[in-house]
Amino acid sequence: MSDEALDQLRQRKQEIRREALGRRNGLADGETLSRRIFEKLTGLPEYGRARTLSLYLDTRSEVRTQWLLPALWAEGKKVAVPYCVGDELTLFHLTDPDELAPGMMRILEPRPEWREVADRRVAPGELDLIIVPGVAFDLHGNRLGYGKGYYDRLLEQVRPDTVKIAVCFACQLVPSASRLAHDVPMDKIITEERVYP
């Protein structure tokens, strides 16, 4: 791909991000829609089989996730939450909400004293399922994040059989979220309306 074509693609991605974020930020019932999304997720066999999963902690207008934590723990699932270390996402085995505090960009992260506990670190290869946020998605499994590549770098490290599921509101679906070579596609996308394989 030529430099000019690459620049055009990056500009188009920025436009898609702006439009999708505008629609997402305008939702009035994000909490209700989020619960519908997770009702669909928890009904999937891939969810039932997963022993260790990664769950992002929502911020701003993202699909809400934090209310799901007690149910995951009650089911005996090992929950890994991501947090930033430099340009990488690191995974922490979360067992209690009190282990969290606002961190980078006001996103909840493990408290500094917990990050040093070796047996609370989770390797990407341990994940059976990873729940992925994003700004926009298309029905081919392509994802547009916030543009920093954190999740793409993490997704490159999971096992080939790790199920990658994006959760988003239907208003975040776009006709095409053009994929670059480093972009990792999703196995499923779940909105409040349906599950897309």
Protein backbone atom coordinates (compact mmCIF):
# COMPACT_ATOMS: atom_id res chain seq x y z
CA MET A 1 0.00 0.00 0.00
CA SER A 2 1.42 3.40 -0.97
CA ASP A 3 2.06 6.08 1.64
CA GLU A 4 -0.71 8.19 0.13
CA ALA A 5 -3.22 5.32 0.28
CA LEU A 6 -2.17 4.57 3.86
CA ASP A 7 -2.69 8.21 4.86
CA GLN A 8 -6.14 8.20 3.25
CA LEU A 9 -7.06 5.02 5.10
CA ARG A 10 -5.91 6.50 8.42
CA GLN A 11 -7.95 9.65 7.77
CA ARG A 12 -11.01 7.55 6.95
CA LYS A 13 -10.55 5.57 10.18
CA GLN A 14 -10.46 8.83 12.14
CA GLU A 15 -13.72 9.94 10.48
CA ILE A 16 -15.36 6.60 11.32
CA ARG A 17 -14.16 6.90 14.93
CA ARG A 18 -15.58 10.42 15.25
CA GLU A 19 -18.96 9.41 13.81
CA ALA A 20 -19.26 6.20 15.87
CA LEU A 21 -18.22 7.93 19.10
CA GLY A 22 -20.77 10.66 18.44
CA ARG A 23 -23.54 8.08 18.12
CA ARG A 24 -22.35 6.13 21.17
CA ASN A 25 -22.04 9.24 23.30
CA GLY A 26 -25.60 10.18 22.38
CA LEU A 27 -27.16 6.99 23.76
CA ALA A 28 -29.48 7.62 26.68
CA ASP A 29 -29.98 4.00 27.77
CA GLY A 30 -26.47 2.55 27.75
CA GLU A 31 -26.96 0.66 31.02
CA THR A 32 -30.06 -1.19 29.78
CA LEU A 33 -28.51 -1.95 26.39
CA SER A 34 -25.33 -3.19 28.07
CA ARG A 35 -27.31 -5.69 30.14
CA ARG A 36 -28.97 -7.00 26.95
CA ILE A 37 -25.55 -7.44 25.35
CA PHE A 38 -24.24 -9.44 28.30
CA GLU A 39 -27.38 -11.60 28.45
CA LYS A 40 -26.46 -12.70 24.93
CA LEU A 41 -22.80 -13.18 25.83
CA THR A 42 -23.47 -15.29 28.92
CA GLY A 43 -25.75 -17.55 26.88
CA LEU A 44 -22.96 -18.53 24.47
CA PRO A 45 -21.28 -21.95 24.81
CA GLU A 46 -17.88 -20.24 24.47
CA TYR A 47 -18.66 -18.25 27.59
CA GLY A 48 -19.83 -21.35 29.46
CA ARG A 49 -16.60 -23.19 28.63
CA ALA A 50 -14.28 -20.30 29.53
CA ARG A 51 -12.43 -20.75 32.81
CA THR A 52 -10.21 -17.66 32.46
CA LEU A 53 -11.43 -14.55 30.70
CA SER A 54 -10.40 -10.96 30.26
CA LEU A 55 -12.97 -8.25 30.90
CA TYR A 56 -12.22 -4.59 30.27
CA LEU A 57 -13.46 -2.09 32.83
CA ASP A 58 -15.73 0.39 31.09
CA THR A 59 -15.14 4.10 30.96
CA ARG A 60 -17.12 7.02 29.54
CA SER A 61 -19.85 5.76 27.15
CA GLU A 62 -18.49 2.23 26.54
CA VAL A 63 -20.65 -0.86 26.97
CA ARG A 64 -20.89 -1.20 30.76
CA THR A 65 -19.06 -4.20 32.19
CA GLN A 66 -18.41 -3.68 35.89
CA TRP A 67 -21.80 -4.86 37.11
CA LEU A 68 -20.99 -8.30 35.62
CA LEU A 69 -18.05 -8.96 37.95
CA PRO A 70 -20.00 -10.52 40.86
CA ALA A 71 -21.69 -12.99 38.49
CA LEU A 72 -18.35 -14.01 36.97
CA TRP A 73 -16.86 -14.65 40.39
CA ALA A 74 -19.98 -16.54 41.52
CA GLU A 75 -19.55 -18.83 38.50
CA GLY A 76 -15.97 -19.55 39.52
CA LYS A 77 -14.38 -17.81 36.55
CA LYS A 78 -10.90 -16.31 36.80
CA VAL A 79 -11.26 -12.66 35.76
CA ALA A 80 -8.29 -10.82 34.25
CA VAL A 81 -8.58 -7.06 33.82
CA PRO A 82 -6.22 -5.13 31.55
CA TYR A 83 -4.21 -2.09 32.53
CA CYS A 84 -1.54 -0.04 30.76
CA VAL A 85 2.17 -0.37 31.37
CA GLY A 86 3.91 1.89 28.88
CA ASP A 87 2.52 0.99 25.45
CA GLU A 88 1.32 -2.47 26.46
CA LEU A 89 -1.71 -3.92 28.20
CA THR A 90 -0.91 -6.14 31.17
CA LEU A 91 -3.46 -8.51 32.74
CA PHE A 92 -4.28 -8.65 36.44
CA HIS A 93 -6.24 -11.39 38.22
CA LEU A 94 -9.00 -9.40 39.93
CA THR A 95 -10.76 -10.93 42.92
CA ASP A 96 -12.33 -7.88 44.59
CA PRO A 97 -13.39 -4.39 43.41
CA ASP A 98 -11.40 -2.89 46.31
CA GLU A 99 -8.23 -3.90 44.44
CA LEU A 100 -8.99 -1.15 41.87
CA ALA A 101 -8.38 2.59 41.73
CA PRO A 102 -8.70 5.21 38.94
CA GLY A 103 -5.59 5.22 36.75
CA MET A 104 -4.66 6.36 33.27
CA MET A 105 -7.50 8.38 31.68
CA ARG A 106 -9.53 7.73 34.88
CA ILE A 107 -9.95 4.06 33.91
CA LEU A 108 -10.10 1.69 36.87
CA GLU A 109 -6.85 -0.26 37.26
CA PRO A 110 -5.29 -2.49 39.89
CA ARG A 111 -3.83 -0.47 42.73
CA PRO A 112 -0.02 -0.14 42.51
CA GLU A 113 0.55 -2.37 45.55
CA TRP A 114 -1.37 -5.23 43.89
CA ARG A 115 0.55 -5.01 40.61
CA GLU A 116 3.69 -6.25 42.35
CA VAL A 117 2.07 -9.51 43.52
CA ALA A 118 3.49 -12.08 41.10
CA ASP A 119 0.68 -14.63 41.37
CA ARG A 120 -1.89 -12.00 40.39
CA ARG A 121 -0.38 -11.52 36.93
CA VAL A 122 -2.15 -13.31 34.09
CA ALA A 123 -0.33 -14.25 30.89
CA PRO A 124 -2.28 -13.66 27.63
CA GLY A 125 -1.82 -17.35 26.84
CA GLU A 126 -3.98 -18.28 29.84
CA LEU A 127 -7.10 -16.64 28.40
CA ASP A 128 -9.93 -18.81 27.08
CA LEU A 129 -12.01 -15.77 26.15
CA ILE A 130 -11.29 -12.08 25.79
CA ILE A 131 -14.01 -9.42 25.80
CA VAL A 132 -12.84 -6.51 23.69
CA PRO A 133 -14.04 -2.90 23.62
CA GLY A 134 -13.81 -0.61 20.63
CA VAL A 135 -15.16 2.42 18.84
CA ALA A 136 -16.53 0.87 15.64
CA PHE A 137 -16.93 -2.61 14.14
CA ASP A 138 -18.02 -4.12 10.85
CA LEU A 139 -19.75 -7.44 10.26
CA HIS A 140 -16.51 -9.05 9.03
CA GLY A 141 -15.12 -8.90 12.56
CA ASN A 142 -12.95 -5.86 11.94
CA ARG A 143 -12.51 -3.47 14.83
CA LEU A 144 -11.53 0.14 15.21
CA GLY A 145 -10.15 0.96 18.63
CA TYR A 146 -9.02 4.33 19.88
CA GLY A 147 -5.99 4.33 17.59
CA LYS A 148 -3.18 3.43 19.98
CA GLY A 149 -3.01 -0.32 19.18
CA TYR A 150 -3.09 -1.51 22.82
CA TYR A 151 -5.60 -4.27 22.21
CA ASP A 152 -4.09 -5.34 18.89
CA ARG A 153 -0.76 -5.95 20.63
CA LEU A 154 -2.49 -7.91 23.40
CA LEU A 155 -4.57 -9.96 20.96
CA GLU A 156 -1.44 -11.03 19.07
CA GLN A 157 -0.28 -12.79 22.27
CA VAL A 158 -3.35 -14.93 23.02
CA ARG A 159 -3.62 -18.58 22.03
CA PRO A 160 -5.06 -19.37 18.58
CA ASP A 161 -8.11 -20.98 20.25
CA THR A 162 -8.81 -18.01 22.54
CA VAL A 163 -12.25 -16.67 21.62
CA LYS A 164 -12.21 -12.95 20.83
CA ILE A 165 -15.59 -11.31 21.39
CA ALA A 166 -16.30 -7.63 20.80
CA VAL A 167 -19.19 -6.02 22.65
CA CYS A 168 -20.69 -2.84 21.25
CA PHE A 169 -23.94 -0.98 20.78
CA ALA A 170 -25.67 -1.42 17.42
CA CYS A 171 -24.99 2.25 16.65
CA GLN A 172 -21.26 1.42 16.54
CA LEU A 173 -21.60 -0.93 13.56
CA VAL A 174 -20.27 0.48 10.31
CA PRO A 175 -20.22 -0.85 6.73
CA SER A 176 -16.43 -1.20 6.75
CA ALA A 177 -13.82 -0.80 9.47
CA SER A 178 -10.89 -1.26 7.08
CA ARG A 179 -8.26 -3.55 8.51
CA LEU A 180 -4.53 -2.93 8.44
CA ALA A 181 -1.97 -5.74 8.66
CA HIS A 182 -1.58 -5.44 12.46
CA ASP A 183 -5.35 -5.35 13.19
CA VAL A 184 -6.69 -8.54 14.78
CA PRO A 185 -10.26 -9.54 13.76
CA MET A 186 -12.92 -10.62 16.24
CA ASP A 187 -14.54 -14.07 16.32
CA LYS A 188 -17.93 -12.65 17.31
CA ILE A 189 -19.52 -9.24 17.75
CA ILE A 190 -22.39 -8.84 20.18
CA THR A 191 -24.80 -5.90 20.17
CA GLU A 192 -28.04 -5.41 22.09
CA GLU A 193 -29.82 -6.74 19.00
CA ARG A 194 -27.93 -9.90 18.04
CA VAL A 195 -24.75 -11.96 17.94
CA TYR A 196 -22.76 -11.71 14.71
CA PRO A 197 -20.42 -14.63 13.96
